[in-house]
Amino acid sequence: MNACWKAFAQEEDGAVTVDWVVLTAAVVGLALFAVVSAKNGSTALGTKINTYMQTAITVGGSTGG
């Protein structure tokens, strides 16, 4: 039984798996951050464009509507 625990302690395959899990979680977290940032920026830009388009004067001189 003692030899079994000693062999388990020297095994490194599990440590590599943990490294990959942590690395994958970090990549997913960064991707989510990037998507949320892009969504917020595009929503703000869309709101500004919408406001401009609603208040812009058309070529004929009327405001539409």
C-alpha atoms as a PDB file:
ATOM      1  CA  MET A   1       0.000   0.000   0.000  1.00  0.00           C
ATOM      2  CA  ASN A   2       2.853   2.386   0.814  1.00  0.00           C
ATOM      3  CA  ALA A   3       4.439   1.746  -2.589  1.00  0.00           C
ATOM      4  CA  CYS A   4       1.146   2.593  -4.248  1.00  0.00           C
ATOM      5  CA  TRP A   5       1.021   6.017  -2.553  1.00  0.00           C
ATOM      6  CA  LYS A   6       4.658   6.671  -3.432  1.00  0.00           C
ATOM      7  CA  ALA A   7       3.990   5.904  -7.105  1.00  0.00           C
ATOM      8  CA  PHE A   8       0.889   8.127  -7.014  1.00  0.00           C
ATOM      9  CA  ALA A   9       2.861  11.049  -5.561  1.00  0.00           C
ATOM     10  CA  GLN A  10       5.499  10.770  -8.297  1.00  0.00           C
ATOM     11  CA  GLU A  11       2.964  10.621 -11.122  1.00  0.00           C
ATOM     12  CA  GLU A  12       2.806  13.865 -13.143  1.00  0.00           C
ATOM     13  CA  ASP A  13       0.004  13.153 -15.626  1.00  0.00           C
ATOM     14  CA  GLY A  14      -2.652  14.684 -13.373  1.00  0.00           C
ATOM     15  CA  ALA A  15      -0.662  17.894 -12.969  1.00  0.00           C
ATOM     16  CA  VAL A  16      -0.590  18.391 -16.736  1.00  0.00           C
ATOM     17  CA  THR A  17      -4.360  17.973 -16.843  1.00  0.00           C
ATOM     18  CA  VAL A  18      -4.805  20.592 -14.139  1.00  0.00           C
ATOM     19  CA  ASP A  19      -2.558  22.978 -16.084  1.00  0.00           C
ATOM     20  CA  TRP A  20      -4.678  22.550 -19.211  1.00  0.00           C
ATOM     21  CA  VAL A  21      -7.914  23.059 -17.286  1.00  0.00           C
ATOM     22  CA  VAL A  22      -6.613  26.301 -15.764  1.00  0.00           C
ATOM     23  CA  LEU A  23      -5.300  27.503 -19.134  1.00  0.00           C
ATOM     24  CA  THR A  24      -8.593  26.707 -20.858  1.00  0.00           C
ATOM     25  CA  ALA A  25     -10.583  28.495 -18.148  1.00  0.00           C
ATOM     26  CA  ALA A  26      -8.384  31.575 -18.553  1.00  0.00           C
ATOM     27  CA  VAL A  27      -8.871  31.614 -22.332  1.00  0.00           C
ATOM     28  CA  VAL A  28     -12.645  31.249 -21.960  1.00  0.00           C
ATOM     29  CA  GLY A  29     -12.712  34.042 -19.366  1.00  0.00           C
ATOM     30  CA  LEU A  30     -10.759  36.389 -21.631  1.00  0.00           C
ATOM     31  CA  ALA A  31     -13.008  35.560 -24.567  1.00  0.00           C
ATOM     32  CA  LEU A  32     -16.117  36.334 -22.525  1.00  0.00           C
ATOM     33  CA  PHE A  33     -14.584  39.632 -21.411  1.00  0.00           C
ATOM     34  CA  ALA A  34     -13.842  40.549 -25.030  1.00  0.00           C
ATOM     35  CA  VAL A  35     -17.362  39.679 -26.181  1.00  0.00           C
ATOM     36  CA  VAL A  36     -18.993  41.704 -23.408  1.00  0.00           C
ATOM     37  CA  SER A  37     -16.737  44.682 -24.119  1.00  0.00           C
ATOM     38  CA  ALA A  38     -17.519  44.546 -27.836  1.00  0.00           C
ATOM     39  CA  LYS A  39     -21.253  44.247 -27.136  1.00  0.00           C
ATOM     40  CA  ASN A  40     -21.242  47.265 -24.842  1.00  0.00           C
ATOM     41  CA  GLY A  41     -19.272  49.340 -27.333  1.00  0.00           C
ATOM     42  CA  SER A  42     -21.457  48.419 -30.300  1.00  0.00           C
ATOM     43  CA  THR A  43     -24.643  49.063 -28.305  1.00  0.00           C
ATOM     44  CA  ALA A  44     -23.415  52.537 -27.360  1.00  0.00           C
ATOM     45  CA  LEU A  45     -22.437  53.278 -30.961  1.00  0.00           C
ATOM     46  CA  GLY A  46     -25.811  52.040 -32.219  1.00  0.00           C
ATOM     47  CA  THR A  47     -27.596  54.308 -29.760  1.00  0.00           C
ATOM     48  CA  LYS A  48     -25.574  57.321 -30.934  1.00  0.00           C
ATOM     49  CA  ILE A  49     -26.279  56.525 -34.588  1.00  0.00           C
ATOM     50  CA  ASN A  50     -29.988  56.078 -33.857  1.00  0.00           C
ATOM     51  CA  THR A  51     -30.138  59.431 -32.071  1.00  0.00           C
ATOM     52  CA  TYR A  52     -28.329  61.158 -34.925  1.00  0.00           C
ATOM     53  CA  MET A  53     -30.520  59.567 -37.584  1.00  0.00           C
ATOM     54  CA  GLN A  54     -33.720  60.554 -35.787  1.00  0.00           C
ATOM     55  CA  THR A  55     -32.651  64.187 -35.438  1.00  0.00           C
ATOM     56  CA  ALA A  56     -30.970  64.572 -38.852  1.00  0.00           C
ATOM     57  CA  ILE A  57     -32.590  66.711 -41.506  1.00  0.00           C
ATOM     58  CA  THR A  58     -33.247  64.929 -44.780  1.00  0.00           C
ATOM     59  CA  VAL A  59     -32.079  66.233 -48.146  1.00  0.00           C
ATOM     60  CA  GLY A  60     -35.502  67.714 -48.936  1.00  0.00           C
ATOM     61  CA  GLY A  61     -35.366  69.938 -45.852  1.00  0.00           C
ATOM     62  CA  SER A  62     -37.997  68.146 -43.765  1.00  0.00           C
ATOM     63  CA  THR A  63     -37.319  66.052 -40.705  1.00  0.00           C
ATOM     64  CA  GLY A  64     -39.425  63.157 -41.863  1.00  0.00           C
ATOM     65  CA  GLY A  65     -41.751  61.627 -39.391  1.00  0.00           C
END
